[in-house]
Amino acid sequence: AMGLIGFFVPRFLVGRAINKRLREFESQLPDTLGLWVNGLRSGYSVLQAIEAISQDSPEPTKTEFQRVVKEVQIGIDMDDAFGHLLERIQSEDLDLVVTAVSISRDTGGNLAEILDVITHTIRERIKLKGEVRVLTSQGRYTGYLISGLPIALTLLLQVISPGFMNPMFESRECGWPMLGVGLALIGIGGALISRIVDIEV
């Protein structure tokens, strides 16, 4: 049981931290692109506009664009630097931006206008994601409740009738495997419910 907990809990916490960082980056992306567009229209080069973003943006955007600037300054091609950014921040919205920048550099299009259109598209997508999240929140919280119910019931039994669950906790041959399987099934059930209510926009 402890081995299963030691395996699943760190993976869960790391995944949660990565998802939180991704959501923060995506929520900041429209404002980031707004700074980028303003810089380009003020006469900045692409690199100068990125430098401005790396100085004026909040975390995690600030750190990520600082890494892009540093990579370009040491001689890495800008397309490759943005590719590395996309590997760290696996976002469909960012992928759209990186593709637009790459095409604009190759064909010489008006990058400011392209990014302006993308900004509007991303804002609408974020708005839609928020509406979907509200609509699916009931299913999500129901999943959390169902997942936590067995644990809450076990604790309640232990409080009402101390020692009632001791045979399970003390039996390494039967009790511990049952606990391990139970926790694993709770984790799998919670993951499945989260996936069901996680609607792609």
C-alpha atoms as a PDB file:
ATOM      1  CA  ALA A   1       0.000   0.000   0.000  1.00  0.00           C
ATOM      2  CA  MET A   2       2.772   2.414   0.917  1.00  0.00           C
ATOM      3  CA  GLY A   3       4.538   1.542  -2.319  1.00  0.00           C
ATOM      4  CA  LEU A   4       1.440   2.406  -4.339  1.00  0.00           C
ATOM      5  CA  ILE A   5       1.020   5.657  -2.430  1.00  0.00           C
ATOM      6  CA  GLY A   6       4.706   6.460  -2.965  1.00  0.00           C
ATOM      7  CA  PHE A   7       4.276   5.818  -6.683  1.00  0.00           C
ATOM      8  CA  PHE A   8       1.013   7.651  -7.364  1.00  0.00           C
ATOM      9  CA  VAL A   9       1.161  10.645  -4.988  1.00  0.00           C
ATOM     10  CA  PRO A  10       4.401  12.228  -6.355  1.00  0.00           C
ATOM     11  CA  ARG A  11       3.198  11.726  -9.939  1.00  0.00           C
ATOM     12  CA  PHE A  12      -0.120  13.326  -9.027  1.00  0.00           C
ATOM     13  CA  LEU A  13       1.530  16.317  -7.339  1.00  0.00           C
ATOM     14  CA  VAL A  14       4.001  16.870 -10.196  1.00  0.00           C
ATOM     15  CA  GLY A  15       1.229  16.593 -12.779  1.00  0.00           C
ATOM     16  CA  ARG A  16      -0.892  19.037 -10.829  1.00  0.00           C
ATOM     17  CA  ALA A  17       1.979  21.559 -10.628  1.00  0.00           C
ATOM     18  CA  ILE A  18       2.625  21.240 -14.378  1.00  0.00           C
ATOM     19  CA  ASN A  19      -1.059  21.743 -15.182  1.00  0.00           C
ATOM     20  CA  LYS A  20      -1.228  24.771 -12.876  1.00  0.00           C
ATOM     21  CA  ARG A  21       1.792  26.343 -14.585  1.00  0.00           C
ATOM     22  CA  LEU A  22       0.265  25.623 -17.999  1.00  0.00           C
ATOM     23  CA  ARG A  23      -3.054  27.223 -17.028  1.00  0.00           C
ATOM     24  CA  GLU A  24      -1.268  30.312 -15.687  1.00  0.00           C
ATOM     25  CA  PHE A  25       0.785  30.652 -18.874  1.00  0.00           C
ATOM     26  CA  GLU A  26      -2.277  30.258 -21.096  1.00  0.00           C
ATOM     27  CA  SER A  27      -4.294  32.763 -19.062  1.00  0.00           C
ATOM     28  CA  GLN A  28      -1.462  35.300 -19.472  1.00  0.00           C
ATOM     29  CA  LEU A  29      -0.974  34.616 -23.178  1.00  0.00           C
ATOM     30  CA  PRO A  30      -3.482  37.189 -24.529  1.00  0.00           C
ATOM     31  CA  ASP A  31      -1.802  39.978 -22.522  1.00  0.00           C
ATOM     32  CA  THR A  32       1.598  38.652 -23.602  1.00  0.00           C
ATOM     33  CA  LEU A  33       0.567  38.851 -27.246  1.00  0.00           C
ATOM     34  CA  GLY A  34      -0.829  42.333 -26.630  1.00  0.00           C
ATOM     35  CA  LEU A  35       2.618  43.469 -25.440  1.00  0.00           C
ATOM     36  CA  TRP A  36       4.176  41.756 -28.438  1.00  0.00           C
ATOM     37  CA  VAL A  37       1.826  43.451 -30.915  1.00  0.00           C
ATOM     38  CA  ASN A  38       2.371  46.874 -29.326  1.00  0.00           C
ATOM     39  CA  GLY A  39       6.132  46.391 -29.479  1.00  0.00           C
ATOM     40  CA  LEU A  40       6.098  45.412 -33.149  1.00  0.00           C
ATOM     41  CA  ARG A  41       3.860  48.355 -34.044  1.00  0.00           C
ATOM     42  CA  SER A  42       6.255  50.649 -32.176  1.00  0.00           C
ATOM     43  CA  GLY A  43       9.063  49.562 -34.467  1.00  0.00           C
ATOM     44  CA  TYR A  44      10.657  46.817 -32.352  1.00  0.00           C
ATOM     45  CA  SER A  45      12.165  43.758 -33.964  1.00  0.00           C
ATOM     46  CA  VAL A  46      10.769  40.362 -32.988  1.00  0.00           C
ATOM     47  CA  LEU A  47      13.648  39.807 -30.552  1.00  0.00           C
ATOM     48  CA  GLN A  48      13.285  43.279 -29.008  1.00  0.00           C
ATOM     49  CA  ALA A  49       9.564  42.674 -28.505  1.00  0.00           C
ATOM     50  CA  ILE A  50      10.314  39.329 -26.829  1.00  0.00           C
ATOM     51  CA  GLU A  51      12.859  41.043 -24.560  1.00  0.00           C
ATOM     52  CA  ALA A  52      10.168  43.526 -23.509  1.00  0.00           C
ATOM     53  CA  ILE A  53       7.838  40.617 -22.716  1.00  0.00           C
ATOM     54  CA  SER A  54      10.555  38.918 -20.653  1.00  0.00           C
ATOM     55  CA  GLN A  55      10.942  42.086 -18.569  1.00  0.00           C
ATOM     56  CA  ASP A  56       7.334  43.208 -18.125  1.00  0.00           C
ATOM     57  CA  SER A  57       5.350  39.960 -17.855  1.00  0.00           C
ATOM     58  CA  PRO A  58       4.413  38.058 -14.677  1.00  0.00           C
ATOM     59  CA  GLU A  59       5.539  34.509 -13.936  1.00  0.00           C
ATOM     60  CA  PRO A  60       5.671  31.987 -15.537  1.00  0.00           C
ATOM     61  CA  THR A  61       5.653  33.950 -18.819  1.00  0.00           C
ATOM     62  CA  LYS A  62       8.579  36.101 -17.671  1.00  0.00           C
ATOM     63  CA  THR A  63      10.932  33.165 -17.044  1.00  0.00           C
ATOM     64  CA  GLU A  64       9.926  31.272 -20.178  1.00  0.00           C
ATOM     65  CA  PHE A  65      10.525  34.226 -22.502  1.00  0.00           C
ATOM     66  CA  GLN A  66      13.779  35.049 -20.720  1.00  0.00           C
ATOM     67  CA  ARG A  67      14.956  31.561 -21.663  1.00  0.00           C
ATOM     68  CA  VAL A  68      13.970  32.180 -25.286  1.00  0.00           C
ATOM     69  CA  VAL A  69      15.922  35.455 -25.327  1.00  0.00           C
ATOM     70  CA  LYS A  70      19.008  33.838 -23.756  1.00  0.00           C
ATOM     71  CA  GLU A  71      18.949  30.984 -26.261  1.00  0.00           C
ATOM     72  CA  VAL A  72      18.756  33.379 -29.210  1.00  0.00           C
ATOM     73  CA  GLN A  73      21.549  35.523 -27.752  1.00  0.00           C
ATOM     74  CA  ILE A  74      23.914  32.527 -27.543  1.00  0.00           C
ATOM     75  CA  GLY A  75      23.307  31.697 -31.187  1.00  0.00           C
ATOM     76  CA  ILE A  76      20.358  29.302 -31.210  1.00  0.00           C
ATOM     77  CA  ASP A  77      17.979  29.896 -34.117  1.00  0.00           C
ATOM     78  CA  MET A  78      14.799  31.668 -33.036  1.00  0.00           C
ATOM     79  CA  ASP A  79      12.570  28.927 -34.468  1.00  0.00           C
ATOM     80  CA  ASP A  80      14.490  26.354 -32.417  1.00  0.00           C
ATOM     81  CA  ALA A  81      14.251  28.524 -29.289  1.00  0.00           C
ATOM     82  CA  PHE A  82      10.482  28.739 -29.719  1.00  0.00           C
ATOM     83  CA  GLY A  83      10.423  24.988 -30.325  1.00  0.00           C
ATOM     84  CA  HIS A  84      12.119  24.493 -26.959  1.00  0.00           C
ATOM     85  CA  LEU A  85       9.526  26.795 -25.374  1.00  0.00           C
ATOM     86  CA  LEU A  86       6.773  24.676 -26.884  1.00  0.00           C
ATOM     87  CA  GLU A  87       8.377  21.527 -25.455  1.00  0.00           C
ATOM     88  CA  ARG A  88       8.273  23.080 -21.975  1.00  0.00           C
ATOM     89  CA  ILE A  89       4.807  24.610 -22.325  1.00  0.00           C
ATOM     90  CA  GLN A  90       2.707  22.151 -24.302  1.00  0.00           C
ATOM     91  CA  SER A  91      -0.141  24.477 -25.206  1.00  0.00           C
ATOM     92  CA  GLU A  92      -2.239  24.472 -28.370  1.00  0.00           C
ATOM     93  CA  ASP A  93      -2.547  28.257 -28.179  1.00  0.00           C
ATOM     94  CA  LEU A  94       1.222  28.656 -27.911  1.00  0.00           C
ATOM     95  CA  ASP A  95       1.672  26.216 -30.799  1.00  0.00           C
ATOM     96  CA  LEU A  96      -0.512  28.506 -32.916  1.00  0.00           C
ATOM     97  CA  VAL A  97       1.639  31.508 -31.976  1.00  0.00           C
ATOM     98  CA  VAL A  98       4.932  29.711 -32.655  1.00  0.00           C
ATOM     99  CA  THR A  99       3.675  28.526 -36.049  1.00  0.00           C
ATOM    100  CA  ALA A 100       2.576  32.060 -36.952  1.00  0.00           C
ATOM    101  CA  VAL A 101       5.963  33.508 -35.991  1.00  0.00           C
ATOM    102  CA  SER A 102       7.809  30.867 -38.009  1.00  0.00           C
ATOM    103  CA  ILE A 103       5.667  31.405 -41.116  1.00  0.00           C
ATOM    104  CA  SER A 104       5.942  35.182 -40.809  1.00  0.00           C
ATOM    105  CA  ARG A 105       9.750  34.998 -40.596  1.00  0.00           C
ATOM    106  CA  ASP A 106       9.847  32.795 -43.697  1.00  0.00           C
ATOM    107  CA  THR A 107       7.330  34.701 -45.823  1.00  0.00           C
ATOM    108  CA  GLY A 108       7.699  38.239 -44.460  1.00  0.00           C
ATOM    109  CA  GLY A 109       4.043  38.694 -43.483  1.00  0.00           C
ATOM    110  CA  ASN A 110       2.689  41.311 -41.076  1.00  0.00           C
ATOM    111  CA  LEU A 111       3.327  39.552 -37.774  1.00  0.00           C
ATOM    112  CA  ALA A 112       1.619  42.248 -35.686  1.00  0.00           C
ATOM    113  CA  GLU A 113      -1.668  41.795 -37.547  1.00  0.00           C
ATOM    114  CA  ILE A 114      -1.431  38.008 -37.360  1.00  0.00           C
ATOM    115  CA  LEU A 115      -0.759  38.060 -33.619  1.00  0.00           C
ATOM    116  CA  ASP A 116      -3.638  40.503 -33.131  1.00  0.00           C
ATOM    117  CA  VAL A 117      -6.038  38.044 -34.767  1.00  0.00           C
ATOM    118  CA  ILE A 118      -4.614  35.164 -32.720  1.00  0.00           C
ATOM    119  CA  THR A 119      -5.046  37.210 -29.525  1.00  0.00           C
ATOM    120  CA  HIS A 120      -8.746  37.675 -30.251  1.00  0.00           C
ATOM    121  CA  THR A 121      -9.121  33.950 -31.013  1.00  0.00           C
ATOM    122  CA  ILE A 122      -7.388  32.936 -27.776  1.00  0.00           C
ATOM    123  CA  ARG A 123      -9.498  35.341 -25.689  1.00  0.00           C
ATOM    124  CA  GLU A 124     -12.667  33.811 -27.130  1.00  0.00           C
ATOM    125  CA  ARG A 125     -11.346  30.303 -26.462  1.00  0.00           C
ATOM    126  CA  ILE A 126     -10.491  31.177 -22.847  1.00  0.00           C
ATOM    127  CA  LYS A 127     -13.992  32.593 -22.386  1.00  0.00           C
ATOM    128  CA  LEU A 128     -15.514  29.401 -23.810  1.00  0.00           C
ATOM    129  CA  LYS A 129     -13.286  27.226 -21.604  1.00  0.00           C
ATOM    130  CA  GLY A 130     -14.539  29.122 -18.555  1.00  0.00           C
ATOM    131  CA  GLU A 131     -18.158  28.522 -19.545  1.00  0.00           C
ATOM    132  CA  VAL A 132     -17.481  24.813 -20.117  1.00  0.00           C
ATOM    133  CA  ARG A 133     -15.711  24.552 -16.751  1.00  0.00           C
ATOM    134  CA  VAL A 134     -18.752  26.027 -14.994  1.00  0.00           C
ATOM    135  CA  LEU A 135     -21.078  23.589 -16.763  1.00  0.00           C
ATOM    136  CA  THR A 136     -18.927  20.564 -15.877  1.00  0.00           C
ATOM    137  CA  SER A 137     -18.146  21.637 -12.304  1.00  0.00           C
ATOM    138  CA  GLN A 138     -21.039  19.622 -10.849  1.00  0.00           C
ATOM    139  CA  GLY A 139     -19.747  16.394 -12.399  1.00  0.00           C
ATOM    140  CA  ARG A 140     -16.226  17.191 -11.246  1.00  0.00           C
ATOM    141  CA  TYR A 141     -17.247  17.800  -7.625  1.00  0.00           C
ATOM    142  CA  THR A 142     -19.417  14.674  -7.669  1.00  0.00           C
ATOM    143  CA  GLY A 143     -16.325  12.736  -8.724  1.00  0.00           C
ATOM    144  CA  TYR A 144     -14.305  14.217  -5.869  1.00  0.00           C
ATOM    145  CA  LEU A 145     -17.087  13.310  -3.417  1.00  0.00           C
ATOM    146  CA  ILE A 146     -17.346   9.717  -4.636  1.00  0.00           C
ATOM    147  CA  SER A 147     -13.557   9.314  -4.572  1.00  0.00           C
ATOM    148  CA  GLY A 148     -13.282  10.628  -1.021  1.00  0.00           C
ATOM    149  CA  LEU A 149     -16.292   8.751   0.364  1.00  0.00           C
ATOM    150  CA  PRO A 150     -14.522   5.417   1.104  1.00  0.00           C
ATOM    151  CA  ILE A 151     -11.712   7.193   2.949  1.00  0.00           C
ATOM    152  CA  ALA A 152     -14.177   9.327   4.920  1.00  0.00           C
ATOM    153  CA  LEU A 153     -16.230   6.242   5.788  1.00  0.00           C
ATOM    154  CA  THR A 154     -13.123   4.403   6.997  1.00  0.00           C
ATOM    155  CA  LEU A 155     -12.168   7.317   9.258  1.00  0.00           C
ATOM    156  CA  LEU A 156     -15.734   7.582  10.545  1.00  0.00           C
ATOM    157  CA  LEU A 157     -15.819   3.879  11.453  1.00  0.00           C
ATOM    158  CA  GLN A 158     -12.491   4.243  13.235  1.00  0.00           C
ATOM    159  CA  VAL A 159     -13.876   7.130  15.305  1.00  0.00           C
ATOM    160  CA  ILE A 160     -17.238   5.501  16.074  1.00  0.00           C
ATOM    161  CA  SER A 161     -15.791   2.072  16.787  1.00  0.00           C
ATOM    162  CA  PRO A 162     -12.072   2.299  17.652  1.00  0.00           C
ATOM    163  CA  GLY A 163     -10.233  -0.820  16.643  1.00  0.00           C
ATOM    164  CA  PHE A 164     -12.888  -1.974  14.178  1.00  0.00           C
ATOM    165  CA  MET A 165     -10.552  -1.479  11.201  1.00  0.00           C
ATOM    166  CA  ASN A 166      -7.402  -2.664  12.989  1.00  0.00           C
ATOM    167  CA  PRO A 167      -7.443  -6.190  11.504  1.00  0.00           C
ATOM    168  CA  MET A 168      -7.231  -4.695   8.036  1.00  0.00           C
ATOM    169  CA  PHE A 169      -4.405  -2.313   8.936  1.00  0.00           C
ATOM    170  CA  GLU A 170      -2.453  -5.000  10.793  1.00  0.00           C
ATOM    171  CA  SER A 171      -2.762  -7.825   8.257  1.00  0.00           C
ATOM    172  CA  ARG A 172       0.094  -7.645   5.758  1.00  0.00           C
ATOM    173  CA  GLU A 173      -1.105 -10.751   3.929  1.00  0.00           C
ATOM    174  CA  CYS A 174      -4.666  -9.602   3.285  1.00  0.00           C
ATOM    175  CA  GLY A 175      -5.397  -6.157   4.722  1.00  0.00           C
ATOM    176  CA  TRP A 176      -2.556  -4.200   3.144  1.00  0.00           C
ATOM    177  CA  PRO A 177      -3.138  -5.574  -0.369  1.00  0.00           C
ATOM    178  CA  MET A 178      -6.841  -4.749  -0.016  1.00  0.00           C
ATOM    179  CA  LEU A 179      -5.979  -1.202   1.045  1.00  0.00           C
ATOM    180  CA  GLY A 180      -3.558  -0.867  -1.850  1.00  0.00           C
ATOM    181  CA  VAL A 181      -6.086  -2.110  -4.390  1.00  0.00           C
ATOM    182  CA  GLY A 182      -8.767   0.127  -2.902  1.00  0.00           C
ATOM    183  CA  LEU A 183      -6.598   3.244  -3.076  1.00  0.00           C
ATOM    184  CA  ALA A 184      -5.537   2.373  -6.617  1.00  0.00           C
ATOM    185  CA  LEU A 185      -9.167   1.956  -7.708  1.00  0.00           C
ATOM    186  CA  ILE A 186     -10.101   5.262  -6.059  1.00  0.00           C
ATOM    187  CA  GLY A 187      -7.265   6.963  -7.951  1.00  0.00           C
ATOM    188  CA  ILE A 188      -8.244   5.347 -11.251  1.00  0.00           C
ATOM    189  CA  GLY A 189     -11.898   6.262 -10.739  1.00  0.00           C
ATOM    190  CA  GLY A 190     -11.021   9.873  -9.970  1.00  0.00           C
ATOM    191  CA  ALA A 191      -8.796  10.071 -13.045  1.00  0.00           C
ATOM    192  CA  LEU A 192     -11.536   8.624 -15.272  1.00  0.00           C
ATOM    193  CA  ILE A 193     -14.135  11.063 -13.963  1.00  0.00           C
ATOM    194  CA  SER A 194     -11.736  13.984 -14.500  1.00  0.00           C
ATOM    195  CA  ARG A 195     -11.107  12.832 -18.056  1.00  0.00           C
ATOM    196  CA  ILE A 196     -14.820  12.458 -18.784  1.00  0.00           C
ATOM    197  CA  VAL A 197     -15.650  15.999 -17.644  1.00  0.00           C
ATOM    198  CA  ASP A 198     -12.513  17.492 -19.242  1.00  0.00           C
ATOM    199  CA  ILE A 199     -14.057  18.637 -22.518  1.00  0.00           C
ATOM    200  CA  GLU A 200     -11.641  19.844 -25.175  1.00  0.00           C
ATOM    201  CA  VAL A 201     -12.344  23.347 -26.494  1.00  0.00           C
END
